[in-house]
């Protein structure tokens, strides 16, 4: 679990550095619209949409887990303490 958190923090720092280095204004053309937008905003929006769609797709294709209950397993070669 700790490795996942460290990996996520590294990704966030690299993304932040990448976004902060792209501060110029660009013209975004989408179908019939044209509007100026900062590259920082554009990259952040696309990244956020990617994360949101990734979570949605992961939840849609997530298989339900079968609940089997709690089972205690004892090794066969060891004797029970109460004997």
PDB file of N, CA and C in Angstrom:
ATOM      1  N   UNK A   1       0.823  -1.195   0.000  1.00  0.00           N
ATOM      2  CA  UNK A   1       0.000   0.000   0.000  1.00  0.00           C
ATOM      3  C   UNK A   1       0.861   1.250   0.000  1.00  0.00           C
ATOM      4  N   UNK A   2       1.951   1.206   0.739  1.00  0.00           N
ATOM      5  CA  UNK A   2       2.813   2.376   0.822  1.00  0.00           C
ATOM      6  C   UNK A   2       3.470   2.673  -0.529  1.00  0.00           C
ATOM      7  N   UNK A   3       3.792   1.631  -1.292  1.00  0.00           N
ATOM      8  CA  UNK A   3       4.402   1.825  -2.606  1.00  0.00           C
ATOM      9  C   UNK A   3       3.436   2.519  -3.560  1.00  0.00           C
ATOM     10  N   UNK A   4       2.147   2.195  -3.455  1.00  0.00           N
ATOM     11  CA  UNK A   4       1.146   2.850  -4.310  1.00  0.00           C
ATOM     12  C   UNK A   4       1.063   4.338  -4.016  1.00  0.00           C
ATOM     13  N   UNK A   5       1.110   4.693  -2.740  1.00  0.00           N
ATOM     14  CA  UNK A   5       1.023   6.103  -2.359  1.00  0.00           C
ATOM     15  C   UNK A   5       2.249   6.868  -2.848  1.00  0.00           C
ATOM     16  N   UNK A   6       3.422   6.276  -2.703  1.00  0.00           N
ATOM     17  CA  UNK A   6       4.654   6.922  -3.177  1.00  0.00           C
ATOM     18  C   UNK A   6       4.610   7.083  -4.690  1.00  0.00           C
ATOM     19  N   UNK A   7       4.168   6.038  -5.396  1.00  0.00           N
ATOM     20  CA  UNK A   7       4.068   6.108  -6.857  1.00  0.00           C
ATOM     21  C   UNK A   7       3.083   7.199  -7.281  1.00  0.00           C
ATOM     22  N   UNK A   8       1.941   7.287  -6.614  1.00  0.00           N
ATOM     23  CA  UNK A   8       0.950   8.309  -6.923  1.00  0.00           C
ATOM     24  C   UNK A   8       1.505   9.712  -6.671  1.00  0.00           C
ATOM     25  N   UNK A   9       2.239   9.882  -5.584  1.00  0.00           N
ATOM     26  CA  UNK A   9       2.828  11.194  -5.286  1.00  0.00           C
ATOM     27  C   UNK A   9       3.848  11.594  -6.341  1.00  0.00           C
ATOM     28  N   UNK A  10       4.649  10.644  -6.812  1.00  0.00           N
ATOM     29  CA  UNK A  10       5.630  10.938  -7.869  1.00  0.00           C
ATOM     30  C   UNK A  10       4.920  11.350  -9.144  1.00  0.00           C
ATOM     31  N   UNK A  11       3.849  10.639  -9.507  1.00  0.00           N
ATOM     32  CA  UNK A  11       3.086  10.978 -10.714  1.00  0.00           C
ATOM     33  C   UNK A  11       2.483  12.375 -10.602  1.00  0.00           C
ATOM     34  N   UNK A  12       1.940  12.720  -9.439  1.00  0.00           N
ATOM     35  CA  UNK A  12       1.339  14.042  -9.232  1.00  0.00           C
ATOM     36  C   UNK A  12       2.408  15.137  -9.348  1.00  0.00           C
ATOM     37  N   UNK A  13       3.573  14.930  -8.774  1.00  0.00           N
ATOM     38  CA  UNK A  13       4.648  15.926  -8.860  1.00  0.00           C
ATOM     39  C   UNK A  13       5.107  16.094 -10.302  1.00  0.00           C
ATOM     40  N   UNK A  14       5.313  14.982 -11.022  1.00  0.00           N
ATOM     41  CA  UNK A  14       5.730  15.079 -12.428  1.00  0.00           C
ATOM     42  C   UNK A  14       4.665  15.769 -13.270  1.00  0.00           C
ATOM     43  N   UNK A  15       3.401  15.470 -13.025  1.00  0.00           N
ATOM     44  CA  UNK A  15       2.317  16.121 -13.764  1.00  0.00           C
ATOM     45  C   UNK A  15       2.288  17.614 -13.475  1.00  0.00           C
ATOM     46  N   UNK A  16       2.479  17.989 -12.222  1.00  0.00           N
ATOM     47  CA  UNK A  16       2.472  19.406 -11.844  1.00  0.00           C
ATOM     48  C   UNK A  16       3.625  20.158 -12.503  1.00  0.00           C
ATOM     49  N   UNK A  17       4.803  19.567 -12.519  1.00  0.00           N
ATOM     50  CA  UNK A  17       5.962  20.207 -13.174  1.00  0.00           C
ATOM     51  C   UNK A  17       5.702  20.341 -14.665  1.00  0.00           C
ATOM     52  N   UNK A  18       5.177  19.296 -15.291  1.00  0.00           N
ATOM     53  CA  UNK A  18       4.889  19.333 -16.725  1.00  0.00           C
ATOM     54  C   UNK A  18       3.879  20.423 -17.062  1.00  0.00           C
ATOM     55  N   UNK A  19       2.816  20.500 -16.284  1.00  0.00           N
ATOM     56  CA  UNK A  19       1.771  21.491 -16.539  1.00  0.00           C
ATOM     57  C   UNK A  19       2.301  22.906 -16.330  1.00  0.00           C
ATOM     58  N   UNK A  20       3.078  23.118 -15.290  1.00  0.00           N
ATOM     59  CA  UNK A  20       3.570  24.467 -14.994  1.00  0.00           C
ATOM     60  C   UNK A  20       4.568  24.973 -16.036  1.00  0.00           C
ATOM     61  N   UNK A  21       5.169  24.086 -16.788  1.00  0.00           N
ATOM     62  CA  UNK A  21       6.113  24.515 -17.827  1.00  0.00           C
ATOM     63  C   UNK A  21       5.407  24.906 -19.118  1.00  0.00           C
ATOM     64  N   UNK A  22       4.112  24.664 -19.217  1.00  0.00           N
ATOM     65  CA  UNK A  22       3.348  24.978 -20.429  1.00  0.00           C
ATOM     66  C   UNK A  22       2.304  26.035 -20.098  1.00  0.00           C
ATOM     67  N   UNK A  23       2.733  27.294 -20.081  1.00  0.00           N
ATOM     68  CA  UNK A  23       1.855  28.368 -19.624  1.00  0.00           C
ATOM     69  C   UNK A  23       1.336  29.264 -20.750  1.00  0.00           C
ATOM     70  N   UNK A  24       1.667  28.982 -22.000  1.00  0.00           N
ATOM     71  CA  UNK A  24       1.244  29.887 -23.060  1.00  0.00           C
ATOM     72  C   UNK A  24      -0.240  29.706 -23.389  1.00  0.00           C
ATOM     73  N   UNK A  25      -0.770  30.675 -24.100  1.00  0.00           N
ATOM     74  CA  UNK A  25      -2.168  30.663 -24.514  1.00  0.00           C
ATOM     75  C   UNK A  25      -2.246  30.083 -25.924  1.00  0.00           C
ATOM     76  N   UNK A  26      -3.208  29.194 -26.131  1.00  0.00           N
ATOM     77  CA  UNK A  26      -3.408  28.599 -27.456  1.00  0.00           C
ATOM     78  C   UNK A  26      -4.864  28.774 -27.852  1.00  0.00           C
ATOM     79  N   UNK A  27      -5.125  28.636 -29.152  1.00  0.00           N
ATOM     80  CA  UNK A  27      -6.489  28.693 -29.671  1.00  0.00           C
ATOM     81  C   UNK A  27      -6.990  27.252 -29.784  1.00  0.00           C
ATOM     82  N   UNK A  28      -8.067  26.970 -29.088  1.00  0.00           N
ATOM     83  CA  UNK A  28      -8.670  25.638 -29.132  1.00  0.00           C
ATOM     84  C   UNK A  28      -9.811  25.667 -30.135  1.00  0.00           C
ATOM     85  N   UNK A  29      -9.754  24.750 -31.109  1.00  0.00           N
ATOM     86  CA  UNK A  29     -10.805  24.652 -32.121  1.00  0.00           C
ATOM     87  C   UNK A  29     -11.551  23.350 -31.899  1.00  0.00           C
ATOM     88  N   UNK A  30     -12.850  23.457 -31.635  1.00  0.00           N
ATOM     89  CA  UNK A  30     -13.697  22.294 -31.447  1.00  0.00           C
ATOM     90  C   UNK A  30     -14.941  22.465 -32.303  1.00  0.00           C
ATOM     91  N   UNK A  31     -15.028  21.696 -33.362  1.00  0.00           N
ATOM     92  CA  UNK A  31     -16.130  21.770 -34.317  1.00  0.00           C
ATOM     93  C   UNK A  31     -16.287  23.185 -34.845  1.00  0.00           C
ATOM     94  N   UNK A  32     -17.304  23.922 -34.421  1.00  0.00           N
ATOM     95  CA  UNK A  32     -17.545  25.264 -34.953  1.00  0.00           C
ATOM     96  C   UNK A  32     -17.085  26.363 -34.012  1.00  0.00           C
ATOM     97  N   UNK A  33     -16.486  26.002 -32.892  1.00  0.00           N
ATOM     98  CA  UNK A  33     -16.080  26.977 -31.898  1.00  0.00           C
ATOM     99  C   UNK A  33     -14.574  27.147 -31.911  1.00  0.00           C
ATOM    100  N   UNK A  34     -14.145  28.358 -31.607  1.00  0.00           N
ATOM    101  CA  UNK A  34     -12.729  28.670 -31.395  1.00  0.00           C
ATOM    102  C   UNK A  34     -12.636  29.544 -30.161  1.00  0.00           C
ATOM    103  N   UNK A  35     -11.770  29.181 -29.234  1.00  0.00           N
ATOM    104  CA  UNK A  35     -11.605  30.011 -28.052  1.00  0.00           C
ATOM    105  C   UNK A  35     -10.188  29.863 -27.517  1.00  0.00           C
ATOM    106  N   UNK A  36      -9.651  30.984 -26.983  1.00  0.00           N
ATOM    107  CA  UNK A  36      -8.305  30.924 -26.403  1.00  0.00           C
ATOM    108  C   UNK A  36      -8.346  30.272 -25.017  1.00  0.00           C
ATOM    109  N   UNK A  37      -7.309  29.501 -24.736  1.00  0.00           N
ATOM    110  CA  UNK A  37      -7.234  28.828 -23.445  1.00  0.00           C
ATOM    111  C   UNK A  37      -5.766  28.599 -23.096  1.00  0.00           C
ATOM    112  N   UNK A  38      -5.462  28.704 -21.829  1.00  0.00           N
ATOM    113  CA  UNK A  38      -4.117  28.422 -21.368  1.00  0.00           C
ATOM    114  C   UNK A  38      -3.855  26.921 -21.467  1.00  0.00           C
ATOM    115  N   UNK A  39      -2.643  26.549 -21.825  1.00  0.00           N
ATOM    116  CA  UNK A  39      -2.289  25.136 -21.939  1.00  0.00           C
ATOM    117  C   UNK A  39      -2.363  24.465 -20.568  1.00  0.00           C
ATOM    118  N   UNK A  40      -2.100  25.214 -19.500  1.00  0.00           N
ATOM    119  CA  UNK A  40      -2.209  24.661 -18.145  1.00  0.00           C
ATOM    120  C   UNK A  40      -3.630  24.165 -17.891  1.00  0.00           C
ATOM    121  N   UNK A  41      -4.607  24.985 -18.240  1.00  0.00           N
ATOM    122  CA  UNK A  41      -6.015  24.614 -18.037  1.00  0.00           C
ATOM    123  C   UNK A  41      -6.385  23.445 -18.936  1.00  0.00           C
ATOM    124  N   UNK A  42      -5.940  23.484 -20.182  1.00  0.00           N
ATOM    125  CA  UNK A  42      -6.275  22.444 -21.143  1.00  0.00           C
ATOM    126  C   UNK A  42      -5.722  21.080 -20.705  1.00  0.00           C
ATOM    127  N   UNK A  43      -4.466  21.018 -20.328  1.00  0.00           N
ATOM    128  CA  UNK A  43      -3.854  19.753 -19.895  1.00  0.00           C
ATOM    129  C   UNK A  43      -4.504  19.262 -18.607  1.00  0.00           C
ATOM    130  N   UNK A  44      -4.776  20.180 -17.682  1.00  0.00           N
ATOM    131  CA  UNK A  44      -5.416  19.783 -16.422  1.00  0.00           C
ATOM    132  C   UNK A  44      -6.812  19.217 -16.659  1.00  0.00           C
ATOM    133  N   UNK A  45      -7.597  19.853 -17.522  1.00  0.00           N
ATOM    134  CA  UNK A  45      -8.940  19.355 -17.830  1.00  0.00           C
ATOM    135  C   UNK A  45      -8.899  17.989 -18.495  1.00  0.00           C
ATOM    136  N   UNK A  46      -8.003  17.813 -19.441  1.00  0.00           N
ATOM    137  CA  UNK A  46      -7.893  16.525 -20.124  1.00  0.00           C
ATOM    138  C   UNK A  46      -7.435  15.443 -19.150  1.00  0.00           C
ATOM    139  N   UNK A  47      -6.499  15.763 -18.276  1.00  0.00           N
ATOM    140  CA  UNK A  47      -6.052  14.797 -17.271  1.00  0.00           C
ATOM    141  C   UNK A  47      -7.164  14.422 -16.309  1.00  0.00           C
ATOM    142  N   UNK A  48      -7.923  15.414 -15.849  1.00  0.00           N
ATOM    143  CA  UNK A  48      -9.038  15.156 -14.939  1.00  0.00           C
ATOM    144  C   UNK A  48     -10.123  14.315 -15.608  1.00  0.00           C
ATOM    145  N   UNK A  49     -10.440  14.640 -16.865  1.00  0.00           N
ATOM    146  CA  UNK A  49     -11.427  13.834 -17.598  1.00  0.00           C
ATOM    147  C   UNK A  49     -10.942  12.400 -17.787  1.00  0.00           C
ATOM    148  N   UNK A  50      -9.651  12.218 -18.032  1.00  0.00           N
ATOM    149  CA  UNK A  50      -9.095  10.872 -18.172  1.00  0.00           C
ATOM    150  C   UNK A  50      -9.224  10.071 -16.893  1.00  0.00           C
ATOM    151  N   UNK A  51      -8.957  10.699 -15.754  1.00  0.00           N
ATOM    152  CA  UNK A  51      -9.080  10.010 -14.464  1.00  0.00           C
ATOM    153  C   UNK A  51     -10.545   9.653 -14.191  1.00  0.00           C
ATOM    154  N   UNK A  52     -11.451  10.584 -14.452  1.00  0.00           N
ATOM    155  CA  UNK A  52     -12.873  10.334 -14.211  1.00  0.00           C
ATOM    156  C   UNK A  52     -13.386   9.198 -15.097  1.00  0.00           C
ATOM    157  N   UNK A  53     -13.066   9.239 -16.397  1.00  0.00           N
ATOM    158  CA  UNK A  53     -13.507   8.172 -17.295  1.00  0.00           C
ATOM    159  C   UNK A  53     -12.854   6.842 -16.940  1.00  0.00           C
ATOM    160  N   UNK A  54     -11.617   6.873 -16.480  1.00  0.00           N
ATOM    161  CA  UNK A  54     -10.957   5.645 -16.054  1.00  0.00           C
ATOM    162  C   UNK A  54     -11.663   4.998 -14.881  1.00  0.00           C
ATOM    163  N   UNK A  55     -12.055   5.797 -13.887  1.00  0.00           N
ATOM    164  CA  UNK A  55     -12.799   5.261 -12.745  1.00  0.00           C
ATOM    165  C   UNK A  55     -14.162   4.722 -13.168  1.00  0.00           C
ATOM    166  N   UNK A  56     -14.845   5.448 -14.058  1.00  0.00           N
ATOM    167  CA  UNK A  56     -16.163   4.997 -14.516  1.00  0.00           C
ATOM    168  C   UNK A  56     -16.044   3.668 -15.253  1.00  0.00           C
ATOM    169  N   UNK A  57     -15.092   3.554 -16.150  1.00  0.00           N
ATOM    170  CA  UNK A  57     -14.914   2.314 -16.908  1.00  0.00           C
ATOM    171  C   UNK A  57     -14.495   1.173 -15.990  1.00  0.00           C
ATOM    172  N   UNK A  58     -13.641   1.455 -15.013  1.00  0.00           N
ATOM    173  CA  UNK A  58     -13.231   0.415 -14.065  1.00  0.00           C
ATOM    174  C   UNK A  58     -14.422  -0.076 -13.254  1.00  0.00           C
ATOM    175  N   UNK A  59     -15.316   0.811 -12.865  1.00  0.00           N
ATOM    176  CA  UNK A  59     -16.494   0.406 -12.105  1.00  0.00           C
ATOM    177  C   UNK A  59     -17.496  -0.363 -12.979  1.00  0.00           C
ATOM    178  N   UNK A  60     -17.609   0.010 -14.240  1.00  0.00           N
ATOM    179  CA  UNK A  60     -18.538  -0.685 -15.132  1.00  0.00           C
ATOM    180  C   UNK A  60     -18.113  -2.127 -15.391  1.00  0.00           C
ATOM    181  N   UNK A  61     -16.815  -2.359 -15.533  1.00  0.00           N
ATOM    182  CA  UNK A  61     -16.316  -3.684 -15.862  1.00  0.00           C
ATOM    183  C   UNK A  61     -15.787  -4.443 -14.660  1.00  0.00           C
ATOM    184  N   UNK A  62     -16.079  -3.962 -13.457  1.00  0.00           N
ATOM    185  CA  UNK A  62     -15.637  -4.629 -12.238  1.00  0.00           C
ATOM    186  C   UNK A  62     -16.534  -5.833 -11.984  1.00  0.00           C
ATOM    187  N   UNK A  63     -15.907  -7.000 -11.793  1.00  0.00           N
ATOM    188  CA  UNK A  63     -16.679  -8.215 -11.527  1.00  0.00           C
ATOM    189  C   UNK A  63     -17.109  -8.238 -10.070  1.00  0.00           C
ATOM    190  N   UNK A  64     -18.318  -8.681  -9.803  1.00  0.00           N
ATOM    191  CA  UNK A  64     -18.743  -8.773  -8.395  1.00  0.00           C
ATOM    192  C   UNK A  64     -17.960  -9.873  -7.681  1.00  0.00           C
ATOM    193  N   UNK A  65     -17.601  -9.614  -6.433  1.00  0.00           N
ATOM    194  CA  UNK A  65     -16.837 -10.570  -5.657  1.00  0.00           C
ATOM    195  C   UNK A  65     -17.795 -11.472  -4.890  1.00  0.00           C
ATOM    196  N   UNK A  66     -17.481 -12.744  -4.852  1.00  0.00           N
ATOM    197  CA  UNK A  66     -18.323 -13.707  -4.169  1.00  0.00           C
ATOM    198  C   UNK A  66     -17.910 -13.751  -2.701  1.00  0.00           C
ATOM    199  N   UNK A  67     -18.877 -13.543  -1.830  1.00  0.00           N
ATOM    200  CA  UNK A  67     -18.623 -13.588  -0.390  1.00  0.00           C
ATOM    201  C   UNK A  67     -18.673 -15.045   0.055  1.00  0.00           C
ATOM    202  N   UNK A  68     -17.562 -15.555   0.592  1.00  0.00           N
ATOM    203  CA  UNK A  68     -17.533 -16.949   1.030  1.00  0.00           C
ATOM    204  C   UNK A  68     -17.565 -17.066   2.540  1.00  0.00           C
ATOM    205  N   UNK A  69     -17.511 -15.971   3.238  1.00  0.00           N
ATOM    206  CA  UNK A  69     -17.516 -16.011   4.690  1.00  0.00           C
ATOM    207  C   UNK A  69     -16.111 -16.182   5.234  1.00  0.00           C
ATOM    208  N   UNK A  70     -16.014 -16.219   6.545  1.00  0.00           N
ATOM    209  CA  UNK A  70     -14.713 -16.355   7.192  1.00  0.00           C
ATOM    210  C   UNK A  70     -14.481 -17.831   7.485  1.00  0.00           C
ATOM    211  N   UNK A  71     -13.385 -18.336   6.989  1.00  0.00           N
ATOM    212  CA  UNK A  71     -13.029 -19.726   7.240  1.00  0.00           C
ATOM    213  C   UNK A  71     -11.650 -19.758   7.872  1.00  0.00           C
ATOM    214  N   UNK A  72     -11.556 -20.500   8.963  1.00  0.00           N
ATOM    215  CA  UNK A  72     -10.251 -20.660   9.600  1.00  0.00           C
ATOM    216  C   UNK A  72      -9.632 -21.934   9.074  1.00  0.00           C
ATOM    217  N   UNK A  73      -8.409 -21.805   8.612  1.00  0.00           N
ATOM    218  CA  UNK A  73      -7.711 -22.975   8.095  1.00  0.00           C
ATOM    219  C   UNK A  73      -6.517 -23.267   8.998  1.00  0.00           C
ATOM    220  N   UNK A  74      -6.438 -24.512   9.429  1.00  0.00           N
ATOM    221  CA  UNK A  74      -5.309 -24.937  10.230  1.00  0.00           C
ATOM    222  C   UNK A  74      -4.421 -25.836   9.379  1.00  0.00           C
ATOM    223  N   UNK A  75      -3.120 -25.721   9.547  1.00  0.00           N
ATOM    224  CA  UNK A  75      -2.234 -26.627   8.811  1.00  0.00           C
ATOM    225  C   UNK A  75      -2.488 -28.073   9.235  1.00  0.00           C
ATOM    226  N   UNK A  76      -2.405 -28.983   8.293  1.00  0.00           N
ATOM    227  CA  UNK A  76      -2.692 -30.382   8.566  1.00  0.00           C
ATOM    228  C   UNK A  76      -1.600 -31.054   9.406  1.00  0.00           C
ATOM    229  N   UNK A  77      -0.375 -30.600   9.303  1.00  0.00           N
ATOM    230  CA  UNK A  77       0.709 -31.270   9.995  1.00  0.00           C
ATOM    231  C   UNK A  77       0.840 -30.857  11.460  1.00  0.00           C
ATOM    232  N   UNK A  78       0.180 -29.805  11.902  1.00  0.00           N
ATOM    233  CA  UNK A  78       0.255 -29.357  13.290  1.00  0.00           C
ATOM    234  C   UNK A  78      -0.989 -29.825  14.038  1.00  0.00           C
ATOM    235  N   UNK A  79      -0.820 -30.200  15.291  1.00  0.00           N
ATOM    236  CA  UNK A  79      -1.935 -30.654  16.114  1.00  0.00           C
ATOM    237  C   UNK A  79      -2.650 -29.460  16.730  1.00  0.00           C
ATOM    238  N   UNK A  80      -3.918 -29.634  17.004  1.00  0.00           N
ATOM    239  CA  UNK A  80      -4.726 -28.606  17.633  1.00  0.00           C
ATOM    240  C   UNK A  80      -4.238 -28.417  19.074  1.00  0.00           C
ATOM    241  N   UNK A  81      -4.182 -27.192  19.564  1.00  0.00           N
ATOM    242  CA  UNK A  81      -3.646 -26.876  20.878  1.00  0.00           C
ATOM    243  C   UNK A  81      -4.514 -27.485  21.978  1.00  0.00           C
ATOM    244  N   UNK A  82      -5.824 -27.588  21.788  1.00  0.00           N
ATOM    245  CA  UNK A  82      -6.722 -28.079  22.838  1.00  0.00           C
ATOM    246  C   UNK A  82      -6.598 -29.576  23.071  1.00  0.00           C
ATOM    247  N   UNK A  83      -5.954 -30.311  22.216  1.00  0.00           N
ATOM    248  CA  UNK A  83      -5.818 -31.768  22.384  1.00  0.00           C
ATOM    249  C   UNK A  83      -4.750 -32.140  23.378  1.00  0.00           C
TER     250      UNK A  83
END
